[in-house]
C-alpha atoms as a PDB file:
ATOM      1  CA  UNK A   1     -14.794  13.173  21.575  1.00  0.00           C
ATOM      2  CA  UNK A   2     -13.243  14.423  18.338  1.00  0.00           C
ATOM      3  CA  UNK A   3     -11.220  11.216  18.000  1.00  0.00           C
ATOM      4  CA  UNK A   4     -14.384   9.119  18.156  1.00  0.00           C
ATOM      5  CA  UNK A   5     -16.014  11.212  15.430  1.00  0.00           C
ATOM      6  CA  UNK A   6     -12.914  10.829  13.249  1.00  0.00           C
ATOM      7  CA  UNK A   7     -12.934   7.061  13.808  1.00  0.00           C
ATOM      8  CA  UNK A   8     -16.497   6.628  12.523  1.00  0.00           C
ATOM      9  CA  UNK A   9     -15.826   7.782   8.940  1.00  0.00           C
ATOM     10  CA  UNK A  10     -12.550   5.854   8.928  1.00  0.00           C
ATOM     11  CA  UNK A  11     -14.323   2.702  10.076  1.00  0.00           C
ATOM     12  CA  UNK A  12     -16.840   3.154   7.243  1.00  0.00           C
ATOM     13  CA  UNK A  13     -14.086   3.528   4.673  1.00  0.00           C
ATOM     14  CA  UNK A  14     -12.257   0.468   5.978  1.00  0.00           C
ATOM     15  CA  UNK A  15     -15.474  -1.564   6.007  1.00  0.00           C
ATOM     16  CA  UNK A  16     -16.121  -0.547   2.393  1.00  0.00           C
ATOM     17  CA  UNK A  17     -12.624  -1.509   1.321  1.00  0.00           C
ATOM     18  CA  UNK A  18     -12.882  -4.928   2.967  1.00  0.00           C
ATOM     19  CA  UNK A  19     -16.368  -5.651   1.632  1.00  0.00           C
ATOM     20  CA  UNK A  20     -15.623  -4.543  -1.928  1.00  0.00           C
ATOM     21  CA  UNK A  21     -12.092  -5.894  -2.285  1.00  0.00           C
ATOM     22  CA  UNK A  22     -11.951  -8.272  -5.269  1.00  0.00           C
ATOM     23  CA  UNK A  23      -8.669  -9.805  -4.000  1.00  0.00           C
ATOM     24  CA  UNK A  24      -8.853 -10.501  -0.234  1.00  0.00           C
ATOM     25  CA  UNK A  25      -5.428 -12.157  -0.245  1.00  0.00           C
ATOM     26  CA  UNK A  26      -3.852  -8.944  -1.530  1.00  0.00           C
ATOM     27  CA  UNK A  27      -5.642  -6.986   1.167  1.00  0.00           C
ATOM     28  CA  UNK A  28      -4.219  -9.281   3.835  1.00  0.00           C
ATOM     29  CA  UNK A  29      -0.769  -8.981   2.273  1.00  0.00           C
ATOM     30  CA  UNK A  30      -1.085  -5.181   2.285  1.00  0.00           C
ATOM     31  CA  UNK A  31      -2.041  -5.291   5.956  1.00  0.00           C
ATOM     32  CA  UNK A  32       0.983  -7.477   6.676  1.00  0.00           C
ATOM     33  CA  UNK A  33       3.372  -5.151   4.842  1.00  0.00           C
ATOM     34  CA  UNK A  34       1.871  -2.074   6.499  1.00  0.00           C
ATOM     35  CA  UNK A  35       3.665  -3.192   9.658  1.00  0.00           C
ATOM     36  CA  UNK A  36       7.002  -2.595   7.937  1.00  0.00           C
ATOM     37  CA  UNK A  37       7.528   1.122   8.562  1.00  0.00           C
ATOM     38  CA  UNK A  38      10.443   1.561   6.168  1.00  0.00           C
ATOM     39  CA  UNK A  39       8.481  -0.023   3.334  1.00  0.00           C
ATOM     40  CA  UNK A  40       6.107   2.958   3.070  1.00  0.00           C
ATOM     41  CA  UNK A  41       9.079   5.281   2.496  1.00  0.00           C
ATOM     42  CA  UNK A  42      10.530   2.968  -0.148  1.00  0.00           C
ATOM     43  CA  UNK A  43       7.176   2.696  -1.931  1.00  0.00           C
ATOM     44  CA  UNK A  44       6.691   6.487  -1.929  1.00  0.00           C
ATOM     45  CA  UNK A  45      10.119   6.928  -3.488  1.00  0.00           C
ATOM     46  CA  UNK A  46       9.442   4.180  -6.044  1.00  0.00           C
ATOM     47  CA  UNK A  47       6.106   5.685  -7.060  1.00  0.00           C
ATOM     48  CA  UNK A  48       7.756   9.089  -7.493  1.00  0.00           C
ATOM     49  CA  UNK A  49      10.161   7.665 -10.099  1.00  0.00           C
ATOM     50  CA  UNK A  50       9.511   8.356 -13.758  1.00  0.00           C
ATOM     51  CA  UNK A  51       8.103   5.400 -15.722  1.00  0.00           C
ATOM     52  CA  UNK A  52      11.431   5.010 -17.541  1.00  0.00           C
ATOM     53  CA  UNK A  53      13.480   4.870 -14.342  1.00  0.00           C
ATOM     54  CA  UNK A  54      10.930   2.541 -12.752  1.00  0.00           C
ATOM     55  CA  UNK A  55      11.209   0.189 -15.761  1.00  0.00           C
ATOM     56  CA  UNK A  56      15.013   0.260 -15.578  1.00  0.00           C
ATOM     57  CA  UNK A  57      14.932  -0.491 -11.844  1.00  0.00           C
ATOM     58  CA  UNK A  58      12.486  -3.325 -12.422  1.00  0.00           C
ATOM     59  CA  UNK A  59      14.699  -4.783 -15.156  1.00  0.00           C
ATOM     60  CA  UNK A  60      17.726  -4.572 -12.864  1.00  0.00           C
ATOM     61  CA  UNK A  61      15.916  -6.243  -9.975  1.00  0.00           C
ATOM     62  CA  UNK A  62      14.716  -9.053 -12.238  1.00  0.00           C
ATOM     63  CA  UNK A  63      18.273  -9.506 -13.518  1.00  0.00           C
ATOM     64  CA  UNK A  64      19.761  -9.871 -10.033  1.00  0.00           C
ATOM     65  CA  UNK A  65      16.877 -12.008  -8.807  1.00  0.00           C
END
């Protein structure tokens, strides 16, 4: 029964996100990428970088693109 109670607030949050999303295509893309389990780890590590290191990494990735 606890799982069902936990699902109700989650369903409300998800409904809100979908209804209020100004960019539905990005939401669909996020859903698609959420299936890539390793991506969440990479994104957490990227977000933890300092702005300077993040900018340097971005510059490098654009250079090798």
